[in-house]
Amino acid sequence: MEYVDLINRILSAEHSASAIAQEVKDRQAGLDRDLARESEELRQRYMERARRRVAIVEETEEKAAQASMAAMDKRFATAMDNVNRAYENHRDQWVDILLSRVTGELS
């Protein structure tokens, strides 16, 4: 009888070990799924934050570019006004100088 009891106890221990091993496998699979889900959620949140930051940077850069272009346009307009004013004030003198240089006569 002792051998039968011993074999029954061994079989019972083996079944218990198998059940525990299966439970560990199930828990591990659940943890893996949870980890994958949480990783994907973190990635999505990070990407959304990154998209928002990129949009803010793009908007800021666009405003800076527009301000820079406006400043350049203003400097260009001022320079053109100066050139036009100088042309109006010195037009006859410049024509005389150019004509004399072309014809070789110095006044």
Protein backbone atom coordinates (compact mmCIF):
# COMPACT_ATOMS: atom_id res chain seq x y z
CA MET A 1 0.00 0.00 0.00
CA GLU A 2 2.78 2.40 0.66
CA TYR A 3 3.88 2.34 -2.99
CA VAL A 4 0.39 3.11 -4.18
CA ASP A 5 0.12 6.03 -1.76
CA LEU A 6 3.54 7.27 -2.82
CA ILE A 7 2.62 7.07 -6.53
CA ASN A 8 -0.69 8.82 -5.84
CA ARG A 9 1.11 11.60 -3.98
CA ILE A 10 3.65 11.95 -6.81
CA LEU A 11 0.83 12.12 -9.38
CA SER A 12 -1.02 14.66 -7.24
CA ALA A 13 2.12 16.79 -6.91
CA GLU A 14 2.69 16.56 -10.68
CA HIS A 15 -0.91 17.69 -11.37
CA SER A 16 -0.50 20.55 -8.90
CA ALA A 17 2.78 21.55 -10.53
CA SER A 18 1.18 21.41 -13.98
CA ALA A 19 -1.71 23.58 -12.76
CA ILE A 20 0.69 26.08 -11.22
CA ALA A 21 2.79 26.12 -14.41
CA GLN A 22 -0.32 26.73 -16.52
CA GLU A 23 -1.42 29.52 -14.20
CA VAL A 24 2.03 31.12 -14.51
CA LYS A 25 1.84 30.84 -18.31
CA ASP A 26 -1.62 32.42 -18.31
CA ARG A 27 -0.51 35.24 -16.05
CA GLN A 28 2.60 35.80 -18.18
CA ALA A 29 0.48 35.99 -21.33
CA GLY A 30 -1.85 38.46 -19.62
CA LEU A 31 1.09 40.55 -18.45
CA ASP A 32 2.56 40.51 -21.96
CA ARG A 33 -0.76 41.69 -23.40
CA ASP A 34 -1.06 44.40 -20.74
CA LEU A 35 2.50 45.52 -21.36
CA ALA A 36 1.95 45.67 -25.13
CA ARG A 37 -1.27 47.65 -24.64
CA GLU A 38 0.34 50.08 -22.20
CA SER A 39 3.35 50.49 -24.49
CA GLU A 40 1.06 51.32 -27.41
CA GLU A 41 -0.90 53.81 -25.27
CA LEU A 42 2.33 55.50 -24.17
CA ARG A 43 3.54 55.65 -27.77
CA GLN A 44 0.24 57.16 -28.90
CA ARG A 45 0.32 59.78 -26.13
CA TYR A 46 3.93 60.63 -26.92
CA MET A 47 3.18 60.96 -30.64
CA GLU A 48 0.18 63.21 -29.92
CA ARG A 49 2.32 65.44 -27.68
CA ALA A 50 5.01 65.53 -30.35
CA ARG A 51 2.45 66.48 -33.02
CA ARG A 52 1.14 69.31 -30.83
CA ARG A 53 4.65 70.58 -30.20
CA VAL A 54 5.52 70.41 -33.89
CA ALA A 55 2.37 72.39 -34.70
CA ILE A 56 3.33 75.04 -32.13
CA VAL A 57 6.87 75.24 -33.51
CA GLU A 58 5.57 75.48 -37.08
CA GLU A 59 3.20 78.28 -36.10
CA THR A 60 5.96 80.13 -34.24
CA GLU A 61 8.38 79.72 -37.15
CA GLU A 62 5.75 80.88 -39.63
CA LYS A 63 5.09 84.02 -37.57
CA ALA A 64 8.82 84.70 -37.30
CA ALA A 65 9.25 84.22 -41.06
CA GLN A 66 6.37 86.59 -41.77
CA ALA A 67 7.83 89.21 -39.42
CA SER A 68 11.24 88.82 -41.06
CA MET A 69 9.73 89.17 -44.53
CA ALA A 70 7.78 92.26 -43.44
CA ALA A 71 10.98 93.83 -42.11
CA MET A 72 12.80 93.03 -45.36
CA ASP A 73 9.91 94.45 -47.39
CA LYS A 74 10.06 97.63 -45.34
CA ARG A 75 13.85 97.97 -45.83
CA PHE A 76 13.43 97.31 -49.55
CA ALA A 77 10.69 99.94 -49.84
CA THR A 78 12.85 102.45 -47.95
CA ALA A 79 15.83 101.70 -50.20
CA MET A 80 13.68 102.07 -53.32
CA ASP A 81 12.31 105.38 -52.02
CA ASN A 82 15.88 106.59 -51.45
CA VAL A 83 16.93 105.50 -54.96
CA ASN A 84 13.88 107.17 -56.53
CA ARG A 85 14.44 110.35 -54.54
CA ALA A 86 18.12 110.43 -55.55
CA TYR A 87 17.11 109.83 -59.17
CA GLU A 88 14.63 112.70 -59.04
CA ASN A 89 17.18 115.03 -57.44
CA HIS A 90 20.18 114.10 -59.62
CA ARG A 91 18.64 112.85 -62.85
CA ASP A 92 19.89 115.72 -65.04
CA GLN A 93 23.36 115.65 -63.51
CA TRP A 94 23.65 111.87 -64.01
CA VAL A 95 22.48 112.15 -67.62
CA ASP A 96 25.09 114.84 -68.29
CA ILE A 97 27.85 112.76 -66.66
CA LEU A 98 26.89 109.63 -68.58
CA LEU A 99 26.64 111.52 -71.87
CA SER A 100 30.02 113.13 -71.36
CA ARG A 101 31.62 109.75 -70.53
CA VAL A 102 30.06 108.14 -73.59
CA THR A 103 31.11 110.96 -75.87
CA GLY A 104 34.49 111.41 -74.19
CA GLU A 105 33.89 115.00 -73.18
CA LEU A 106 34.55 116.05 -69.60
CA SER A 107 32.90 119.15 -68.25
